[in-house]
């Protein structure tokens, strides 16, 4: 969650509503983040796409309950630094609990569009672009943060473009609506999944524009997109 009041599925909601929503479901999200089939492979691939070396500094924007942080720490080793940034206090508390054994993993409250760090070798942002009012601008900031030769990796969910996409996307649309706070809202001026797709396309497109080398993968029947770029 970021300070602009947009939620992770592309909807718009008040800051306090979103804080309550994501805080209330922090432990359930953590369980899904760690136990969903295929999620371990996805997190391993995301960490590998950051192209980290021992001693590097990596920042995860929107770290949530910290499920990615051990994978990043494994890549940078005990001499490196891992920083997780998120806006929701209960979620961060869970992340701190789960990474307490690592003295070089730091979890801080902050906005992904204004990260509280000065520089890094890599930035990872998983399921964050749909939260942001201007995701392309955020990607620019992350690319500037790592500088030329650094890496930015985006992992996001959007409607599948595979040939078998229609039934998959029907389920995805339902998940998007149900996970958009407040869940009691039945009508939206703009459908959450349309807004989500626009934001994901904007973020991944900007990363491609800013990168000299690009890697792209799809997972979960084409719903999850992983794009990694070496910044020019």
C-alpha atoms as a PDB file:
ATOM      1  CA  UNK A   1       0.000   0.000   0.000  1.00  0.00           C
ATOM      2  CA  UNK A   2       1.297   3.494  -0.812  1.00  0.00           C
ATOM      3  CA  UNK A   3       0.369   6.911   0.449  1.00  0.00           C
ATOM      4  CA  UNK A   4      -1.612   7.844  -2.651  1.00  0.00           C
ATOM      5  CA  UNK A   5      -4.541   5.714  -1.461  1.00  0.00           C
ATOM      6  CA  UNK A   6      -4.580   3.229  -4.334  1.00  0.00           C
ATOM      7  CA  UNK A   7      -4.888  -0.457  -3.557  1.00  0.00           C
ATOM      8  CA  UNK A   8      -2.933  -3.392  -4.956  1.00  0.00           C
ATOM      9  CA  UNK A   9      -5.634  -4.348  -7.438  1.00  0.00           C
ATOM     10  CA  UNK A  10      -5.857  -0.955  -9.089  1.00  0.00           C
ATOM     11  CA  UNK A  11      -8.754   0.418  -7.086  1.00  0.00           C
ATOM     12  CA  UNK A  12      -8.772   3.643  -5.098  1.00  0.00           C
ATOM     13  CA  UNK A  13      -9.520   3.781  -1.411  1.00  0.00           C
ATOM     14  CA  UNK A  14      -8.783   5.882   1.643  1.00  0.00           C
ATOM     15  CA  UNK A  15      -5.482   5.376   3.427  1.00  0.00           C
ATOM     16  CA  UNK A  16      -7.091   4.343   6.722  1.00  0.00           C
ATOM     17  CA  UNK A  17      -9.495   1.933   4.991  1.00  0.00           C
ATOM     18  CA  UNK A  18      -6.589   0.232   3.224  1.00  0.00           C
ATOM     19  CA  UNK A  19      -4.490   0.165   6.398  1.00  0.00           C
ATOM     20  CA  UNK A  20      -7.325  -1.595   8.213  1.00  0.00           C
ATOM     21  CA  UNK A  21      -8.027  -3.937   5.290  1.00  0.00           C
ATOM     22  CA  UNK A  22      -4.476  -5.167   4.729  1.00  0.00           C
ATOM     23  CA  UNK A  23      -3.663  -5.138   8.429  1.00  0.00           C
ATOM     24  CA  UNK A  24      -6.686  -7.282   9.274  1.00  0.00           C
ATOM     25  CA  UNK A  25      -5.714  -9.883   6.679  1.00  0.00           C
ATOM     26  CA  UNK A  26      -1.930  -9.757   7.211  1.00  0.00           C
ATOM     27  CA  UNK A  27      -1.595 -13.319   8.530  1.00  0.00           C
ATOM     28  CA  UNK A  28      -3.842 -14.771   5.827  1.00  0.00           C
ATOM     29  CA  UNK A  29      -1.859 -12.938   3.144  1.00  0.00           C
ATOM     30  CA  UNK A  30       1.333 -14.243   4.691  1.00  0.00           C
ATOM     31  CA  UNK A  31       0.023 -17.807   4.557  1.00  0.00           C
ATOM     32  CA  UNK A  32      -0.963 -17.402   0.898  1.00  0.00           C
ATOM     33  CA  UNK A  33       2.353 -15.700   0.120  1.00  0.00           C
ATOM     34  CA  UNK A  34       4.282 -18.698   1.436  1.00  0.00           C
ATOM     35  CA  UNK A  35       2.050 -21.686   0.679  1.00  0.00           C
ATOM     36  CA  UNK A  36       0.371 -20.967  -2.675  1.00  0.00           C
ATOM     37  CA  UNK A  37       1.432 -23.668  -5.181  1.00  0.00           C
ATOM     38  CA  UNK A  38       4.287 -22.440  -7.357  1.00  0.00           C
ATOM     39  CA  UNK A  39       5.028 -19.399  -5.205  1.00  0.00           C
ATOM     40  CA  UNK A  40       8.437 -20.676  -4.090  1.00  0.00           C
ATOM     41  CA  UNK A  41       9.544 -21.005  -7.710  1.00  0.00           C
ATOM     42  CA  UNK A  42       8.279 -17.512  -8.482  1.00  0.00           C
ATOM     43  CA  UNK A  43      10.110 -15.949  -5.547  1.00  0.00           C
ATOM     44  CA  UNK A  44      13.301 -17.818  -6.449  1.00  0.00           C
ATOM     45  CA  UNK A  45      13.055 -16.568 -10.029  1.00  0.00           C
ATOM     46  CA  UNK A  46      12.384 -12.997  -8.898  1.00  0.00           C
ATOM     47  CA  UNK A  47      15.420 -12.993  -6.627  1.00  0.00           C
ATOM     48  CA  UNK A  48      17.592 -14.484  -9.385  1.00  0.00           C
ATOM     49  CA  UNK A  49      16.409 -11.813 -11.846  1.00  0.00           C
ATOM     50  CA  UNK A  50      17.840  -9.126  -9.545  1.00  0.00           C
ATOM     51  CA  UNK A  51      21.324 -10.364 -10.572  1.00  0.00           C
ATOM     52  CA  UNK A  52      22.674  -9.833  -7.083  1.00  0.00           C
ATOM     53  CA  UNK A  53      26.221 -10.485  -5.896  1.00  0.00           C
ATOM     54  CA  UNK A  54      27.450 -11.089  -2.349  1.00  0.00           C
ATOM     55  CA  UNK A  55      27.723  -7.746  -0.567  1.00  0.00           C
ATOM     56  CA  UNK A  56      25.107  -5.978  -2.710  1.00  0.00           C
ATOM     57  CA  UNK A  57      22.260  -3.849  -1.415  1.00  0.00           C
ATOM     58  CA  UNK A  58      18.743  -4.694  -2.582  1.00  0.00           C
ATOM     59  CA  UNK A  59      15.479  -2.931  -1.775  1.00  0.00           C
ATOM     60  CA  UNK A  60      12.070  -4.536  -2.031  1.00  0.00           C
ATOM     61  CA  UNK A  61       9.288  -2.017  -2.579  1.00  0.00           C
ATOM     62  CA  UNK A  62       6.040  -3.194  -0.991  1.00  0.00           C
ATOM     63  CA  UNK A  63       7.654  -6.070   0.890  1.00  0.00           C
ATOM     64  CA  UNK A  64       4.375  -7.057   2.574  1.00  0.00           C
ATOM     65  CA  UNK A  65       4.884  -9.740   5.196  1.00  0.00           C
ATOM     66  CA  UNK A  66       8.460 -10.304   4.055  1.00  0.00           C
ATOM     67  CA  UNK A  67       8.114 -13.511   2.064  1.00  0.00           C
ATOM     68  CA  UNK A  68      10.736 -12.423  -0.509  1.00  0.00           C
ATOM     69  CA  UNK A  69      13.294 -11.108   1.956  1.00  0.00           C
ATOM     70  CA  UNK A  70      14.990 -14.449   2.818  1.00  0.00           C
ATOM     71  CA  UNK A  71      15.420 -15.181  -0.902  1.00  0.00           C
ATOM     72  CA  UNK A  72      17.108 -11.812  -1.405  1.00  0.00           C
ATOM     73  CA  UNK A  73      19.258 -12.282   1.691  1.00  0.00           C
ATOM     74  CA  UNK A  74      20.466 -15.613   0.342  1.00  0.00           C
ATOM     75  CA  UNK A  75      21.671 -13.823  -2.787  1.00  0.00           C
ATOM     76  CA  UNK A  76      23.538 -10.953  -1.083  1.00  0.00           C
ATOM     77  CA  UNK A  77      24.923 -13.098   1.725  1.00  0.00           C
ATOM     78  CA  UNK A  78      25.633 -12.020   5.301  1.00  0.00           C
ATOM     79  CA  UNK A  79      27.824  -9.138   4.082  1.00  0.00           C
ATOM     80  CA  UNK A  80      25.062  -7.638   1.933  1.00  0.00           C
ATOM     81  CA  UNK A  81      22.029  -5.558   2.876  1.00  0.00           C
ATOM     82  CA  UNK A  82      18.323  -6.208   2.296  1.00  0.00           C
ATOM     83  CA  UNK A  83      15.769  -3.450   2.883  1.00  0.00           C
ATOM     84  CA  UNK A  84      12.039  -4.111   2.826  1.00  0.00           C
ATOM     85  CA  UNK A  85       9.717  -1.113   2.446  1.00  0.00           C
ATOM     86  CA  UNK A  86       5.975  -1.162   3.050  1.00  0.00           C
ATOM     87  CA  UNK A  87       3.301   1.251   4.210  1.00  0.00           C
ATOM     88  CA  UNK A  88       1.041  -0.951   6.329  1.00  0.00           C
ATOM     89  CA  UNK A  89       2.086  -1.308   9.974  1.00  0.00           C
ATOM     90  CA  UNK A  90       0.539  -4.732  10.822  1.00  0.00           C
ATOM     91  CA  UNK A  91       2.049  -6.199   7.663  1.00  0.00           C
ATOM     92  CA  UNK A  92       5.460  -4.796   8.581  1.00  0.00           C
ATOM     93  CA  UNK A  93       5.181  -6.202  12.088  1.00  0.00           C
ATOM     94  CA  UNK A  94       4.689  -9.633  10.570  1.00  0.00           C
ATOM     95  CA  UNK A  95       7.700  -9.089   8.270  1.00  0.00           C
ATOM     96  CA  UNK A  96       9.865  -8.119  11.241  1.00  0.00           C
ATOM     97  CA  UNK A  97       8.826 -11.247  13.129  1.00  0.00           C
ATOM     98  CA  UNK A  98       9.719 -13.476  10.217  1.00  0.00           C
ATOM     99  CA  UNK A  99      13.121 -11.895   9.481  1.00  0.00           C
ATOM    100  CA  UNK A 100      14.281 -11.257  13.057  1.00  0.00           C
ATOM    101  CA  UNK A 101      17.053 -13.867  12.739  1.00  0.00           C
ATOM    102  CA  UNK A 102      18.836 -11.838  10.038  1.00  0.00           C
ATOM    103  CA  UNK A 103      20.897  -8.880  11.230  1.00  0.00           C
ATOM    104  CA  UNK A 104      21.317  -7.504   7.704  1.00  0.00           C
ATOM    105  CA  UNK A 105      17.609  -7.499   6.772  1.00  0.00           C
ATOM    106  CA  UNK A 106      15.897  -4.216   7.627  1.00  0.00           C
ATOM    107  CA  UNK A 107      12.151  -3.592   7.393  1.00  0.00           C
ATOM    108  CA  UNK A 108      11.001   0.034   7.333  1.00  0.00           C
ATOM    109  CA  UNK A 109       7.707   1.829   6.934  1.00  0.00           C
ATOM    110  CA  UNK A 110       7.670   4.023   3.858  1.00  0.00           C
ATOM    111  CA  UNK A 111       6.127   4.816   0.502  1.00  0.00           C
ATOM    112  CA  UNK A 112       7.289   2.861  -2.536  1.00  0.00           C
ATOM    113  CA  UNK A 113       7.118   6.089  -4.570  1.00  0.00           C
ATOM    114  CA  UNK A 114       9.519   7.825  -2.146  1.00  0.00           C
ATOM    115  CA  UNK A 115      11.752   5.053  -0.759  1.00  0.00           C
ATOM    116  CA  UNK A 116      13.753   5.940   2.365  1.00  0.00           C
ATOM    117  CA  UNK A 117      17.073   4.814   0.874  1.00  0.00           C
ATOM    118  CA  UNK A 118      19.749   6.710  -1.037  1.00  0.00           C
ATOM    119  CA  UNK A 119      21.050   4.009  -3.394  1.00  0.00           C
ATOM    120  CA  UNK A 120      20.925   0.304  -4.129  1.00  0.00           C
ATOM    121  CA  UNK A 121      22.224  -2.270  -6.560  1.00  0.00           C
ATOM    122  CA  UNK A 122      18.764  -3.664  -7.284  1.00  0.00           C
ATOM    123  CA  UNK A 123      15.091  -2.995  -6.651  1.00  0.00           C
ATOM    124  CA  UNK A 124      12.418  -5.685  -6.531  1.00  0.00           C
ATOM    125  CA  UNK A 125       8.724  -4.763  -6.610  1.00  0.00           C
ATOM    126  CA  UNK A 126       6.226  -7.620  -6.441  1.00  0.00           C
ATOM    127  CA  UNK A 127       2.511  -6.948  -6.873  1.00  0.00           C
ATOM    128  CA  UNK A 128       3.062  -3.230  -6.262  1.00  0.00           C
ATOM    129  CA  UNK A 129       2.466  -1.466  -9.597  1.00  0.00           C
ATOM    130  CA  UNK A 130      -1.302  -1.910  -9.323  1.00  0.00           C
ATOM    131  CA  UNK A 131      -1.208   0.140  -6.106  1.00  0.00           C
ATOM    132  CA  UNK A 132       0.319   3.215  -7.699  1.00  0.00           C
ATOM    133  CA  UNK A 133      -1.477   6.130  -9.313  1.00  0.00           C
ATOM    134  CA  UNK A 134       1.515   6.636 -11.676  1.00  0.00           C
ATOM    135  CA  UNK A 135       3.448   3.358 -11.844  1.00  0.00           C
ATOM    136  CA  UNK A 136       5.607   4.452 -14.784  1.00  0.00           C
ATOM    137  CA  UNK A 137       6.866   7.410 -12.769  1.00  0.00           C
ATOM    138  CA  UNK A 138       7.652   5.083  -9.845  1.00  0.00           C
ATOM    139  CA  UNK A 139       9.651   2.800 -12.153  1.00  0.00           C
ATOM    140  CA  UNK A 140      11.638   5.851 -13.282  1.00  0.00           C
ATOM    141  CA  UNK A 141      12.444   6.609  -9.645  1.00  0.00           C
ATOM    142  CA  UNK A 142      13.529   3.016  -9.007  1.00  0.00           C
ATOM    143  CA  UNK A 143      15.740   3.039 -12.108  1.00  0.00           C
ATOM    144  CA  UNK A 144      17.312   6.306 -10.949  1.00  0.00           C
ATOM    145  CA  UNK A 145      17.867   4.770  -7.511  1.00  0.00           C
ATOM    146  CA  UNK A 146      19.907   1.835  -8.819  1.00  0.00           C
ATOM    147  CA  UNK A 147      21.591   3.846 -11.586  1.00  0.00           C
ATOM    148  CA  UNK A 148      23.192   2.604 -14.784  1.00  0.00           C
ATOM    149  CA  UNK A 149      24.067  -1.077 -14.530  1.00  0.00           C
ATOM    150  CA  UNK A 150      21.693  -1.695 -11.633  1.00  0.00           C
ATOM    151  CA  UNK A 151      18.692  -3.975 -11.908  1.00  0.00           C
ATOM    152  CA  UNK A 152      14.965  -3.437 -11.427  1.00  0.00           C
ATOM    153  CA  UNK A 153      12.607  -6.422 -11.322  1.00  0.00           C
ATOM    154  CA  UNK A 154       8.812  -6.208 -11.477  1.00  0.00           C
ATOM    155  CA  UNK A 155       6.419  -9.043 -10.668  1.00  0.00           C
ATOM    156  CA  UNK A 156       2.732  -8.329 -11.155  1.00  0.00           C
ATOM    157  CA  UNK A 157      -0.585 -10.018 -11.821  1.00  0.00           C
ATOM    158  CA  UNK A 158      -2.746  -8.994 -14.771  1.00  0.00           C
ATOM    159  CA  UNK A 159      -5.096 -10.716 -17.173  1.00  0.00           C
ATOM    160  CA  UNK A 160      -3.547 -13.599 -19.067  1.00  0.00           C
ATOM    161  CA  UNK A 161      -2.704 -13.156 -22.749  1.00  0.00           C
ATOM    162  CA  UNK A 162      -2.445 -16.884 -23.389  1.00  0.00           C
ATOM    163  CA  UNK A 163      -4.776 -18.623 -25.843  1.00  0.00           C
ATOM    164  CA  UNK A 164      -6.512 -20.295 -22.913  1.00  0.00           C
ATOM    165  CA  UNK A 165      -6.913 -16.960 -21.154  1.00  0.00           C
ATOM    166  CA  UNK A 166     -10.730 -16.432 -21.072  1.00  0.00           C
ATOM    167  CA  UNK A 167     -11.603 -18.922 -18.282  1.00  0.00           C
ATOM    168  CA  UNK A 168      -8.445 -18.025 -16.360  1.00  0.00           C
ATOM    169  CA  UNK A 169      -9.274 -14.339 -16.635  1.00  0.00           C
ATOM    170  CA  UNK A 170     -12.829 -14.892 -15.428  1.00  0.00           C
ATOM    171  CA  UNK A 171     -11.449 -16.278 -12.176  1.00  0.00           C
ATOM    172  CA  UNK A 172      -8.826 -13.523 -12.020  1.00  0.00           C
ATOM    173  CA  UNK A 173     -11.480 -10.798 -12.363  1.00  0.00           C
ATOM    174  CA  UNK A 174     -13.391 -12.263  -9.431  1.00  0.00           C
ATOM    175  CA  UNK A 175     -10.242 -12.372  -7.293  1.00  0.00           C
ATOM    176  CA  UNK A 176      -9.432  -8.757  -8.147  1.00  0.00           C
ATOM    177  CA  UNK A 177     -12.871  -7.525  -7.123  1.00  0.00           C
ATOM    178  CA  UNK A 178     -12.895  -9.545  -3.901  1.00  0.00           C
ATOM    179  CA  UNK A 179      -9.443  -8.290  -2.909  1.00  0.00           C
ATOM    180  CA  UNK A 180     -10.190  -4.627  -3.605  1.00  0.00           C
ATOM    181  CA  UNK A 181     -10.953  -2.793  -0.353  1.00  0.00           C
ATOM    182  CA  UNK A 182     -13.651  -2.312   0.687  1.00  0.00           C
ATOM    183  CA  UNK A 183     -14.879  -5.735  -0.401  1.00  0.00           C
ATOM    184  CA  UNK A 184     -18.498  -4.634   0.146  1.00  0.00           C
ATOM    185  CA  UNK A 185     -18.347  -2.350  -2.884  1.00  0.00           C
ATOM    186  CA  UNK A 186     -20.232  -3.878  -5.814  1.00  0.00           C
ATOM    187  CA  UNK A 187     -19.887  -1.155  -8.460  1.00  0.00           C
ATOM    188  CA  UNK A 188     -16.847   0.800  -9.610  1.00  0.00           C
ATOM    189  CA  UNK A 189     -16.652   3.750 -12.001  1.00  0.00           C
ATOM    190  CA  UNK A 190     -13.783   1.944 -13.727  1.00  0.00           C
ATOM    191  CA  UNK A 191     -13.490  -1.820 -13.356  1.00  0.00           C
ATOM    192  CA  UNK A 192     -10.616  -2.740 -11.009  1.00  0.00           C
ATOM    193  CA  UNK A 193      -9.168  -5.289 -13.429  1.00  0.00           C
ATOM    194  CA  UNK A 194      -9.108  -2.788 -16.330  1.00  0.00           C
ATOM    195  CA  UNK A 195      -7.313  -0.231 -14.182  1.00  0.00           C
ATOM    196  CA  UNK A 196      -4.947  -2.907 -12.934  1.00  0.00           C
ATOM    197  CA  UNK A 197      -4.036  -3.995 -16.466  1.00  0.00           C
ATOM    198  CA  UNK A 198      -3.347  -0.370 -17.460  1.00  0.00           C
ATOM    199  CA  UNK A 199      -1.046   0.182 -14.520  1.00  0.00           C
ATOM    200  CA  UNK A 200       0.830  -3.087 -15.009  1.00  0.00           C
ATOM    201  CA  UNK A 201       1.332  -2.378 -18.726  1.00  0.00           C
ATOM    202  CA  UNK A 202       2.592   1.128 -17.916  1.00  0.00           C
ATOM    203  CA  UNK A 203       5.084  -0.101 -15.322  1.00  0.00           C
ATOM    204  CA  UNK A 204       6.514  -2.962 -17.371  1.00  0.00           C
ATOM    205  CA  UNK A 205       6.604  -0.811 -20.498  1.00  0.00           C
ATOM    206  CA  UNK A 206       8.597   1.909 -18.748  1.00  0.00           C
ATOM    207  CA  UNK A 207      11.082  -0.647 -17.405  1.00  0.00           C
ATOM    208  CA  UNK A 208      11.646  -1.923 -20.927  1.00  0.00           C
ATOM    209  CA  UNK A 209      12.222   1.657 -22.115  1.00  0.00           C
ATOM    210  CA  UNK A 210      14.815   2.276 -19.399  1.00  0.00           C
ATOM    211  CA  UNK A 211      16.688  -1.024 -19.744  1.00  0.00           C
ATOM    212  CA  UNK A 212      19.601  -2.142 -21.893  1.00  0.00           C
ATOM    213  CA  UNK A 213      18.950  -5.832 -21.224  1.00  0.00           C
ATOM    214  CA  UNK A 214      15.535  -7.300 -20.501  1.00  0.00           C
ATOM    215  CA  UNK A 215      14.283 -10.677 -19.308  1.00  0.00           C
ATOM    216  CA  UNK A 216      10.597 -11.577 -19.241  1.00  0.00           C
ATOM    217  CA  UNK A 217       8.728 -14.596 -17.918  1.00  0.00           C
ATOM    218  CA  UNK A 218       5.105 -15.503 -17.313  1.00  0.00           C
ATOM    219  CA  UNK A 219       3.788 -17.734 -14.539  1.00  0.00           C
ATOM    220  CA  UNK A 220       0.468 -18.970 -13.139  1.00  0.00           C
ATOM    221  CA  UNK A 221      -1.177 -19.631 -16.519  1.00  0.00           C
ATOM    222  CA  UNK A 222       0.025 -16.276 -17.829  1.00  0.00           C
ATOM    223  CA  UNK A 223      -1.533 -14.213 -15.045  1.00  0.00           C
ATOM    224  CA  UNK A 224       1.779 -13.348 -13.355  1.00  0.00           C
ATOM    225  CA  UNK A 225       4.380 -11.388 -15.307  1.00  0.00           C
ATOM    226  CA  UNK A 226       8.027 -11.097 -14.283  1.00  0.00           C
ATOM    227  CA  UNK A 227      10.144  -8.490 -16.047  1.00  0.00           C
ATOM    228  CA  UNK A 228      13.754  -7.784 -15.119  1.00  0.00           C
ATOM    229  CA  UNK A 229      15.859  -5.029 -16.610  1.00  0.00           C
ATOM    230  CA  UNK A 230      19.474  -3.824 -16.426  1.00  0.00           C
ATOM    231  CA  UNK A 231      19.173  -0.064 -16.328  1.00  0.00           C
ATOM    232  CA  UNK A 232      20.944   1.968 -18.980  1.00  0.00           C
END
